[in-house]
Amino acid sequence: MLENDLDLLRNAAILAGKIAMRFYQKNPTYWDKGDGQGPVSEADLEIDKMLFEYLSNARSNYGFLSEEAENNTDRNNTKNTFIIDPIDGTRSFLNGHENFATSIAVACNGIIQDAVVYLPAKDLLYDAKKGEGSRLNGVQIHAGKNTNINGARILASESQNNPKLWKNTPPPIERHFRSSLAYRLCLVAEGRFDGMMTLRPTWEWDVAAGHLICTEAGCEVKTQGGKDPQYNSEVPKINGMIAGNSILVDKLLGYIK
């Protein structure tokens, strides 16, 4: 047995990446999950199966929450739970783009303790352990310090421009986009962007690992209601997410209706 959870997550993510790259740019079979959930591919399911077996064998007493697995409420009775997205950014993956990731986190009583986000097509591995900082390929990373909302470089989807979301007008930001929410959070942790936001109910598996990587790099991470996200909920959704340095997050929250 590996001594600590973070080593376990790193190894699991690298194994997942090897599976993803077997299918990458080779027209994998996929279908739509319905109800606005988007596509799922044969690669997603193979990775999910491998991760369940690999992680469960190592930590049989941990719960398991994954985008591609049935929601087993037994996890709500465990102290520790794996929260997993086998491929975050499946559309990007299917289109042959590089911006997809495997996202794996461990929550202890609702708080993320260990996290890995791995982008195999870019060979980027982000990881964090609570209280020990965040790293990219083993090198410590830190969030940016820009507090000026005017022209702030924020990762967000085009739908965030909807005036119905804002008290008066949308904030005067410079909007950028990446398909993977996990990768967006890591880019903010790395200081390449000032912040990220998604103002819609957000599945826990999309943001759990990125949340810890962000906070350990010096970011503040809040729901769109200004609260601290909690994980391993019975219904595993979070009320949106905003991340960046604390001053910039407060300014963005001030615009929200």
C-alpha atoms as a PDB file:
ATOM      1  CA  MET A   1       0.000   0.000   0.000  1.00  0.00           C
ATOM      2  CA  LEU A   2       1.245   3.486  -0.838  1.00  0.00           C
ATOM      3  CA  GLU A   3       1.928   5.428   2.342  1.00  0.00           C
ATOM      4  CA  ASN A   4      -0.021   8.580   1.534  1.00  0.00           C
ATOM      5  CA  ASP A   5      -3.065   9.512  -0.483  1.00  0.00           C
ATOM      6  CA  LEU A   6      -1.322  12.054  -2.696  1.00  0.00           C
ATOM      7  CA  ASP A   7       1.137   9.463  -4.043  1.00  0.00           C
ATOM      8  CA  LEU A   8      -1.831   7.200  -4.706  1.00  0.00           C
ATOM      9  CA  LEU A   9      -3.683   9.932  -6.608  1.00  0.00           C
ATOM     10  CA  ARG A  10      -0.629  10.812  -8.694  1.00  0.00           C
ATOM     11  CA  ASN A  11      -0.117   7.203  -9.744  1.00  0.00           C
ATOM     12  CA  ALA A  12      -3.815   6.766 -10.490  1.00  0.00           C
ATOM     13  CA  ALA A  13      -3.921   9.924 -12.626  1.00  0.00           C
ATOM     14  CA  ILE A  14      -0.894   8.833 -14.675  1.00  0.00           C
ATOM     15  CA  LEU A  15      -2.528   5.444 -15.308  1.00  0.00           C
ATOM     16  CA  ALA A  16      -5.702   7.247 -16.370  1.00  0.00           C
ATOM     17  CA  GLY A  17      -3.686   9.426 -18.729  1.00  0.00           C
ATOM     18  CA  LYS A  18      -2.201   6.368 -20.432  1.00  0.00           C
ATOM     19  CA  ILE A  19      -5.702   5.075 -21.132  1.00  0.00           C
ATOM     20  CA  ALA A  20      -6.861   8.454 -22.423  1.00  0.00           C
ATOM     21  CA  MET A  21      -3.909   8.713 -24.808  1.00  0.00           C
ATOM     22  CA  ARG A  22      -4.713   5.296 -26.307  1.00  0.00           C
ATOM     23  CA  PHE A  23      -8.004   6.805 -27.515  1.00  0.00           C
ATOM     24  CA  TYR A  24      -6.851  10.388 -28.110  1.00  0.00           C
ATOM     25  CA  GLN A  25      -7.322  11.594 -31.709  1.00  0.00           C
ATOM     26  CA  LYS A  26      -8.468   8.085 -32.726  1.00  0.00           C
ATOM     27  CA  ASN A  27     -12.233   8.694 -32.993  1.00  0.00           C
ATOM     28  CA  PRO A  28     -13.359   6.875 -29.844  1.00  0.00           C
ATOM     29  CA  THR A  29     -16.965   5.767 -29.591  1.00  0.00           C
ATOM     30  CA  TYR A  30     -19.122   8.228 -27.691  1.00  0.00           C
ATOM     31  CA  TRP A  31     -22.764   9.050 -27.015  1.00  0.00           C
ATOM     32  CA  ASP A  32     -24.788  11.765 -25.329  1.00  0.00           C
ATOM     33  CA  LYS A  33     -25.840  11.122 -21.738  1.00  0.00           C
ATOM     34  CA  GLY A  34     -29.016  13.195 -22.114  1.00  0.00           C
ATOM     35  CA  ASP A  35     -30.585  15.776 -19.793  1.00  0.00           C
ATOM     36  CA  GLY A  36     -27.961  18.325 -20.827  1.00  0.00           C
ATOM     37  CA  GLN A  37     -25.138  16.282 -19.302  1.00  0.00           C
ATOM     38  CA  GLY A  38     -23.086  16.228 -22.505  1.00  0.00           C
ATOM     39  CA  PRO A  39     -21.118  13.385 -24.108  1.00  0.00           C
ATOM     40  CA  VAL A  40     -19.380  10.384 -22.607  1.00  0.00           C
ATOM     41  CA  SER A  41     -16.884   8.187 -24.443  1.00  0.00           C
ATOM     42  CA  GLU A  42     -15.568   4.663 -24.163  1.00  0.00           C
ATOM     43  CA  ALA A  43     -12.370   6.210 -22.795  1.00  0.00           C
ATOM     44  CA  ASP A  44     -14.266   7.876 -19.911  1.00  0.00           C
ATOM     45  CA  LEU A  45     -15.777   4.546 -18.913  1.00  0.00           C
ATOM     46  CA  GLU A  46     -12.533   2.573 -19.165  1.00  0.00           C
ATOM     47  CA  ILE A  47     -10.751   5.141 -17.016  1.00  0.00           C
ATOM     48  CA  ASP A  48     -13.603   5.161 -14.494  1.00  0.00           C
ATOM     49  CA  LYS A  49     -13.496   1.359 -14.181  1.00  0.00           C
ATOM     50  CA  MET A  50      -9.718   1.346 -13.730  1.00  0.00           C
ATOM     51  CA  LEU A  51      -9.797   4.118 -11.123  1.00  0.00           C
ATOM     52  CA  PHE A  52     -12.518   2.421  -9.107  1.00  0.00           C
ATOM     53  CA  GLU A  53     -10.578  -0.856  -8.997  1.00  0.00           C
ATOM     54  CA  TYR A  54      -7.179   0.752  -8.394  1.00  0.00           C
ATOM     55  CA  LEU A  55      -8.291   3.180  -5.689  1.00  0.00           C
ATOM     56  CA  SER A  56     -10.713   0.788  -3.973  1.00  0.00           C
ATOM     57  CA  ASN A  57      -8.022  -1.877  -3.731  1.00  0.00           C
ATOM     58  CA  ALA A  58      -5.731   0.642  -2.048  1.00  0.00           C
ATOM     59  CA  ARG A  59      -8.343   2.275   0.207  1.00  0.00           C
ATOM     60  CA  SER A  60     -11.259  -0.120   0.677  1.00  0.00           C
ATOM     61  CA  ASN A  61     -12.748   2.027   3.464  1.00  0.00           C
ATOM     62  CA  TYR A  62     -13.058   5.165   1.284  1.00  0.00           C
ATOM     63  CA  GLY A  63     -16.229   6.249  -0.463  1.00  0.00           C
ATOM     64  CA  PHE A  64     -16.297   6.776  -4.215  1.00  0.00           C
ATOM     65  CA  LEU A  65     -17.986   9.593  -6.153  1.00  0.00           C
ATOM     66  CA  SER A  66     -17.403   9.736  -9.903  1.00  0.00           C
ATOM     67  CA  GLU A  67     -19.098  11.448 -12.824  1.00  0.00           C
ATOM     68  CA  GLU A  68     -19.402   8.164 -14.694  1.00  0.00           C
ATOM     69  CA  ALA A  69     -20.477   5.910 -11.822  1.00  0.00           C
ATOM     70  CA  GLU A  70     -23.867   5.427 -10.211  1.00  0.00           C
ATOM     71  CA  ASN A  71     -24.341   7.708  -7.219  1.00  0.00           C
ATOM     72  CA  ASN A  72     -23.736   5.355  -4.292  1.00  0.00           C
ATOM     73  CA  THR A  73     -25.020   7.099  -1.159  1.00  0.00           C
ATOM     74  CA  ASP A  74     -22.951   4.752   1.035  1.00  0.00           C
ATOM     75  CA  ARG A  75     -20.187   7.328   0.497  1.00  0.00           C
ATOM     76  CA  ASN A  76     -22.107   9.721   2.746  1.00  0.00           C
ATOM     77  CA  ASN A  77     -21.352   7.403   5.671  1.00  0.00           C
ATOM     78  CA  THR A  78     -17.587   7.368   5.114  1.00  0.00           C
ATOM     79  CA  LYS A  79     -15.038   9.774   6.576  1.00  0.00           C
ATOM     80  CA  ASN A  80     -12.973   9.866   3.363  1.00  0.00           C
ATOM     81  CA  THR A  81     -14.253   9.880  -0.207  1.00  0.00           C
ATOM     82  CA  PHE A  82     -12.592   9.874  -3.614  1.00  0.00           C
ATOM     83  CA  ILE A  83     -14.135  12.495  -5.925  1.00  0.00           C
ATOM     84  CA  ILE A  84     -13.300  11.767  -9.546  1.00  0.00           C
ATOM     85  CA  ASP A  85     -13.811  13.022 -13.071  1.00  0.00           C
ATOM     86  CA  PRO A  86     -12.242  10.450 -15.424  1.00  0.00           C
ATOM     87  CA  ILE A  87     -12.074  12.990 -18.274  1.00  0.00           C
ATOM     88  CA  ASP A  88     -12.963  16.583 -17.491  1.00  0.00           C
ATOM     89  CA  GLY A  89     -13.441  18.299 -20.842  1.00  0.00           C
ATOM     90  CA  THR A  90     -14.770  15.316 -22.799  1.00  0.00           C
ATOM     91  CA  ARG A  91     -15.845  17.544 -25.703  1.00  0.00           C
ATOM     92  CA  SER A  92     -12.295  18.866 -25.973  1.00  0.00           C
ATOM     93  CA  PHE A  93     -10.976  15.302 -25.840  1.00  0.00           C
ATOM     94  CA  LEU A  94     -13.344  14.139 -28.585  1.00  0.00           C
ATOM     95  CA  ASN A  95     -12.406  17.109 -30.755  1.00  0.00           C
ATOM     96  CA  GLY A  96      -8.736  16.160 -30.513  1.00  0.00           C
ATOM     97  CA  HIS A  97      -7.776  19.183 -28.413  1.00  0.00           C
ATOM     98  CA  GLU A  98      -5.272  19.074 -25.549  1.00  0.00           C
ATOM     99  CA  ASN A  99      -7.289  20.751 -22.792  1.00  0.00           C
ATOM    100  CA  PHE A 100      -8.791  17.717 -21.067  1.00  0.00           C
ATOM    101  CA  ALA A 101      -7.831  16.340 -17.671  1.00  0.00           C
ATOM    102  CA  THR A 102      -8.298  13.585 -15.154  1.00  0.00           C
ATOM    103  CA  SER A 103      -9.321  15.113 -11.832  1.00  0.00           C
ATOM    104  CA  ILE A 104      -9.021  13.158  -8.560  1.00  0.00           C
ATOM    105  CA  ALA A 105      -9.466  14.414  -5.000  1.00  0.00           C
ATOM    106  CA  VAL A 106      -9.887  13.022  -1.504  1.00  0.00           C
ATOM    107  CA  ALA A 107     -12.454  14.707   0.740  1.00  0.00           C
ATOM    108  CA  CYS A 108     -12.336  14.160   4.501  1.00  0.00           C
ATOM    109  CA  ASN A 109     -15.587  15.143   6.203  1.00  0.00           C
ATOM    110  CA  GLY A 110     -16.417  17.385   3.249  1.00  0.00           C
ATOM    111  CA  ILE A 111     -13.027  19.160   3.029  1.00  0.00           C
ATOM    112  CA  ILE A 112     -10.566  18.379   0.225  1.00  0.00           C
ATOM    113  CA  GLN A 113      -7.258  17.091   1.599  1.00  0.00           C
ATOM    114  CA  ASP A 114      -5.381  15.834  -1.474  1.00  0.00           C
ATOM    115  CA  ALA A 115      -5.806  16.630  -5.145  1.00  0.00           C
ATOM    116  CA  VAL A 116      -4.372  15.860  -8.569  1.00  0.00           C
ATOM    117  CA  VAL A 117      -5.299  17.234 -11.988  1.00  0.00           C
ATOM    118  CA  TYR A 118      -3.432  15.624 -14.879  1.00  0.00           C
ATOM    119  CA  LEU A 119      -3.512  16.715 -18.528  1.00  0.00           C
ATOM    120  CA  PRO A 120      -1.852  13.821 -20.379  1.00  0.00           C
ATOM    121  CA  ALA A 121      -1.802  15.447 -23.831  1.00  0.00           C
ATOM    122  CA  LYS A 122       0.156  18.360 -22.324  1.00  0.00           C
ATOM    123  CA  ASP A 123       2.019  16.243 -19.735  1.00  0.00           C
ATOM    124  CA  LEU A 124       0.989  18.651 -16.982  1.00  0.00           C
ATOM    125  CA  LEU A 125       0.452  17.248 -13.497  1.00  0.00           C
ATOM    126  CA  TYR A 126      -0.888  19.631 -10.863  1.00  0.00           C
ATOM    127  CA  ASP A 127      -1.088  18.395  -7.282  1.00  0.00           C
ATOM    128  CA  ALA A 128      -1.703  19.672  -3.774  1.00  0.00           C
ATOM    129  CA  LYS A 129      -1.911  18.458  -0.202  1.00  0.00           C
ATOM    130  CA  LYS A 130      -3.770  20.593   2.320  1.00  0.00           C
ATOM    131  CA  GLY A 131      -1.314  22.821   4.162  1.00  0.00           C
ATOM    132  CA  GLU A 132       1.642  21.979   1.890  1.00  0.00           C
ATOM    133  CA  GLY A 133       1.148  24.168  -1.190  1.00  0.00           C
ATOM    134  CA  SER A 134       0.510  23.366  -4.851  1.00  0.00           C
ATOM    135  CA  ARG A 135       2.858  22.120  -7.540  1.00  0.00           C
ATOM    136  CA  LEU A 136       3.043  21.749 -11.308  1.00  0.00           C
ATOM    137  CA  ASN A 137       5.258  18.853 -12.368  1.00  0.00           C
ATOM    138  CA  GLY A 138       6.872  19.009  -8.937  1.00  0.00           C
ATOM    139  CA  VAL A 139       7.582  22.755  -8.918  1.00  0.00           C
ATOM    140  CA  GLN A 140       5.751  25.044  -6.471  1.00  0.00           C
ATOM    141  CA  ILE A 141       3.197  27.383  -8.059  1.00  0.00           C
ATOM    142  CA  HIS A 142       1.559  30.581  -6.813  1.00  0.00           C
ATOM    143  CA  ALA A 143      -1.526  32.529  -7.835  1.00  0.00           C
ATOM    144  CA  GLY A 144      -1.307  36.019  -9.323  1.00  0.00           C
ATOM    145  CA  LYS A 145      -1.842  39.205  -7.331  1.00  0.00           C
ATOM    146  CA  ASN A 146      -3.790  41.436  -9.741  1.00  0.00           C
ATOM    147  CA  THR A 147      -6.679  43.033  -7.837  1.00  0.00           C
ATOM    148  CA  ASN A 148      -7.927  45.336 -10.615  1.00  0.00           C
ATOM    149  CA  ILE A 149     -11.202  44.026 -12.001  1.00  0.00           C
ATOM    150  CA  ASN A 150     -10.954  46.249 -15.071  1.00  0.00           C
ATOM    151  CA  GLY A 151      -9.444  44.000 -17.715  1.00  0.00           C
ATOM    152  CA  ALA A 152      -8.855  41.139 -15.288  1.00  0.00           C
ATOM    153  CA  ARG A 153      -8.182  37.939 -17.221  1.00  0.00           C
ATOM    154  CA  ILE A 154     -10.987  35.618 -16.102  1.00  0.00           C
ATOM    155  CA  LEU A 155     -11.710  32.098 -17.328  1.00  0.00           C
ATOM    156  CA  ALA A 156     -15.450  31.766 -17.902  1.00  0.00           C
ATOM    157  CA  SER A 157     -17.897  30.511 -20.494  1.00  0.00           C
ATOM    158  CA  GLU A 158     -19.697  32.887 -22.832  1.00  0.00           C
ATOM    159  CA  SER A 159     -22.930  32.320 -20.908  1.00  0.00           C
ATOM    160  CA  GLN A 160     -21.475  34.351 -18.012  1.00  0.00           C
ATOM    161  CA  ASN A 161     -22.121  37.475 -20.120  1.00  0.00           C
ATOM    162  CA  ASN A 162     -25.859  37.020 -19.569  1.00  0.00           C
ATOM    163  CA  PRO A 163     -27.059  40.311 -17.980  1.00  0.00           C
ATOM    164  CA  LYS A 164     -29.593  38.367 -15.882  1.00  0.00           C
ATOM    165  CA  LEU A 165     -26.699  37.122 -13.735  1.00  0.00           C
ATOM    166  CA  TRP A 166     -25.564  40.593 -12.686  1.00  0.00           C
ATOM    167  CA  LYS A 167     -26.968  43.433 -10.581  1.00  0.00           C
ATOM    168  CA  ASN A 168     -26.434  46.021 -13.299  1.00  0.00           C
ATOM    169  CA  THR A 169     -23.857  45.095 -15.919  1.00  0.00           C
ATOM    170  CA  PRO A 170     -21.345  42.239 -16.151  1.00  0.00           C
ATOM    171  CA  PRO A 171     -17.951  43.048 -14.595  1.00  0.00           C
ATOM    172  CA  PRO A 172     -15.442  44.716 -16.980  1.00  0.00           C
ATOM    173  CA  ILE A 173     -13.258  41.646 -17.340  1.00  0.00           C
ATOM    174  CA  GLU A 174     -11.325  40.137 -20.226  1.00  0.00           C
ATOM    175  CA  ARG A 175     -12.961  36.741 -20.708  1.00  0.00           C
ATOM    176  CA  HIS A 176     -11.036  33.608 -21.689  1.00  0.00           C
ATOM    177  CA  PHE A 177     -12.151  30.003 -21.998  1.00  0.00           C
ATOM    178  CA  ARG A 178     -10.937  26.461 -21.409  1.00  0.00           C
ATOM    179  CA  SER A 179     -13.361  23.543 -21.565  1.00  0.00           C
ATOM    180  CA  SER A 180     -12.174  21.813 -18.386  1.00  0.00           C
ATOM    181  CA  LEU A 181     -13.208  23.453 -15.118  1.00  0.00           C
ATOM    182  CA  ALA A 182     -10.421  21.578 -13.336  1.00  0.00           C
ATOM    183  CA  TYR A 183      -7.865  23.027 -15.747  1.00  0.00           C
ATOM    184  CA  ARG A 184      -9.330  26.526 -15.364  1.00  0.00           C
ATOM    185  CA  LEU A 185      -8.762  26.357 -11.610  1.00  0.00           C
ATOM    186  CA  CYS A 186      -5.212  25.092 -12.105  1.00  0.00           C
ATOM    187  CA  LEU A 187      -4.413  27.920 -14.537  1.00  0.00           C
ATOM    188  CA  VAL A 188      -5.521  30.412 -11.888  1.00  0.00           C
ATOM    189  CA  ALA A 189      -3.402  28.594  -9.286  1.00  0.00           C
ATOM    190  CA  GLU A 190      -0.444  28.852 -11.648  1.00  0.00           C
ATOM    191  CA  GLY A 191      -0.948  32.604 -12.041  1.00  0.00           C
ATOM    192  CA  ARG A 192      -1.548  32.444 -15.783  1.00  0.00           C
ATOM    193  CA  PHE A 193      -5.030  33.927 -15.310  1.00  0.00           C
ATOM    194  CA  ASP A 194      -6.403  36.226 -12.632  1.00  0.00           C
ATOM    195  CA  GLY A 195      -9.482  34.191 -11.838  1.00  0.00           C
ATOM    196  CA  MET A 196     -12.248  31.851 -12.968  1.00  0.00           C
ATOM    197  CA  MET A 197     -15.985  31.765 -12.481  1.00  0.00           C
ATOM    198  CA  THR A 198     -18.918  29.555 -13.327  1.00  0.00           C
ATOM    199  CA  LEU A 199     -22.329  30.848 -12.260  1.00  0.00           C
ATOM    200  CA  ARG A 200     -24.390  27.703 -12.469  1.00  0.00           C
ATOM    201  CA  PRO A 201     -24.823  24.567 -10.365  1.00  0.00           C
ATOM    202  CA  THR A 202     -21.498  22.751 -10.675  1.00  0.00           C
ATOM    203  CA  TRP A 203     -20.824  19.065 -10.153  1.00  0.00           C
ATOM    204  CA  GLU A 204     -18.356  18.361  -7.369  1.00  0.00           C
ATOM    205  CA  TRP A 205     -16.158  16.141  -9.533  1.00  0.00           C
ATOM    206  CA  ASP A 206     -15.502  19.044 -11.923  1.00  0.00           C
ATOM    207  CA  VAL A 207     -13.988  21.299  -9.261  1.00  0.00           C
ATOM    208  CA  ALA A 208     -12.977  19.319  -6.156  1.00  0.00           C
ATOM    209  CA  ALA A 209      -9.321  18.766  -7.059  1.00  0.00           C
ATOM    210  CA  GLY A 210      -8.902  22.179  -8.692  1.00  0.00           C
ATOM    211  CA  HIS A 211     -10.343  23.846  -5.591  1.00  0.00           C
ATOM    212  CA  LEU A 212      -7.541  22.596  -3.330  1.00  0.00           C
ATOM    213  CA  ILE A 213      -4.855  23.286  -5.943  1.00  0.00           C
ATOM    214  CA  CYS A 214      -6.169  26.856  -6.134  1.00  0.00           C
ATOM    215  CA  THR A 215      -6.376  27.515  -2.401  1.00  0.00           C
ATOM    216  CA  GLU A 216      -2.965  25.974  -1.714  1.00  0.00           C
ATOM    217  CA  ALA A 217      -1.522  28.327  -4.350  1.00  0.00           C
ATOM    218  CA  GLY A 218      -2.919  31.335  -2.459  1.00  0.00           C
ATOM    219  CA  CYS A 219      -6.367  31.750  -4.005  1.00  0.00           C
ATOM    220  CA  GLU A 220      -9.750  32.245  -2.439  1.00  0.00           C
ATOM    221  CA  VAL A 221     -12.464  29.899  -3.696  1.00  0.00           C
ATOM    222  CA  LYS A 222     -16.130  30.670  -3.048  1.00  0.00           C
ATOM    223  CA  THR A 223     -19.550  29.679  -4.300  1.00  0.00           C
ATOM    224  CA  GLN A 224     -21.465  32.370  -6.170  1.00  0.00           C
ATOM    225  CA  GLY A 225     -23.231  32.980  -2.863  1.00  0.00           C
ATOM    226  CA  GLY A 226     -19.900  33.791  -1.199  1.00  0.00           C
ATOM    227  CA  LYS A 227     -19.713  30.570   0.835  1.00  0.00           C
ATOM    228  CA  ASP A 228     -16.954  27.991   1.215  1.00  0.00           C
ATOM    229  CA  PRO A 229     -17.709  24.949  -0.979  1.00  0.00           C
ATOM    230  CA  GLN A 230     -18.334  21.666   0.830  1.00  0.00           C
ATOM    231  CA  TYR A 231     -17.935  18.246  -0.747  1.00  0.00           C
ATOM    232  CA  ASN A 232     -19.394  14.747  -0.665  1.00  0.00           C
ATOM    233  CA  SER A 233     -22.902  16.150  -0.371  1.00  0.00           C
ATOM    234  CA  GLU A 234     -25.921  13.894  -0.857  1.00  0.00           C
ATOM    235  CA  VAL A 235     -26.618  15.778  -4.094  1.00  0.00           C
ATOM    236  CA  PRO A 236     -23.048  16.431  -5.278  1.00  0.00           C
ATOM    237  CA  LYS A 237     -23.527  19.921  -6.667  1.00  0.00           C
ATOM    238  CA  ILE A 238     -22.068  23.288  -5.687  1.00  0.00           C
ATOM    239  CA  ASN A 239     -23.784  26.639  -6.239  1.00  0.00           C
ATOM    240  CA  GLY A 240     -21.294  27.889  -8.823  1.00  0.00           C
ATOM    241  CA  MET A 241     -17.677  28.803  -8.159  1.00  0.00           C
ATOM    242  CA  ILE A 242     -15.448  31.885  -8.219  1.00  0.00           C
ATOM    243  CA  ALA A 243     -11.691  31.683  -7.683  1.00  0.00           C
ATOM    244  CA  GLY A 244      -8.856  34.205  -7.608  1.00  0.00           C
ATOM    245  CA  ASN A 245      -7.072  36.315  -5.033  1.00  0.00           C
ATOM    246  CA  SER A 246      -9.358  37.376  -2.186  1.00  0.00           C
ATOM    247  CA  ILE A 247      -9.744  41.017  -3.275  1.00  0.00           C
ATOM    248  CA  LEU A 248     -10.632  40.119  -6.851  1.00  0.00           C
ATOM    249  CA  VAL A 249     -13.100  37.438  -5.707  1.00  0.00           C
ATOM    250  CA  ASP A 250     -14.835  39.962  -3.432  1.00  0.00           C
ATOM    251  CA  LYS A 251     -15.105  42.411  -6.338  1.00  0.00           C
ATOM    252  CA  LEU A 252     -16.608  39.764  -8.627  1.00  0.00           C
ATOM    253  CA  LEU A 253     -19.066  38.691  -5.939  1.00  0.00           C
ATOM    254  CA  GLY A 254     -20.172  42.313  -5.650  1.00  0.00           C
ATOM    255  CA  TYR A 255     -21.449  42.242  -9.232  1.00  0.00           C
ATOM    256  CA  ILE A 256     -23.577  39.108  -8.840  1.00  0.00           C
ATOM    257  CA  LYS A 257     -27.329  39.533  -8.594  1.00  0.00           C
END
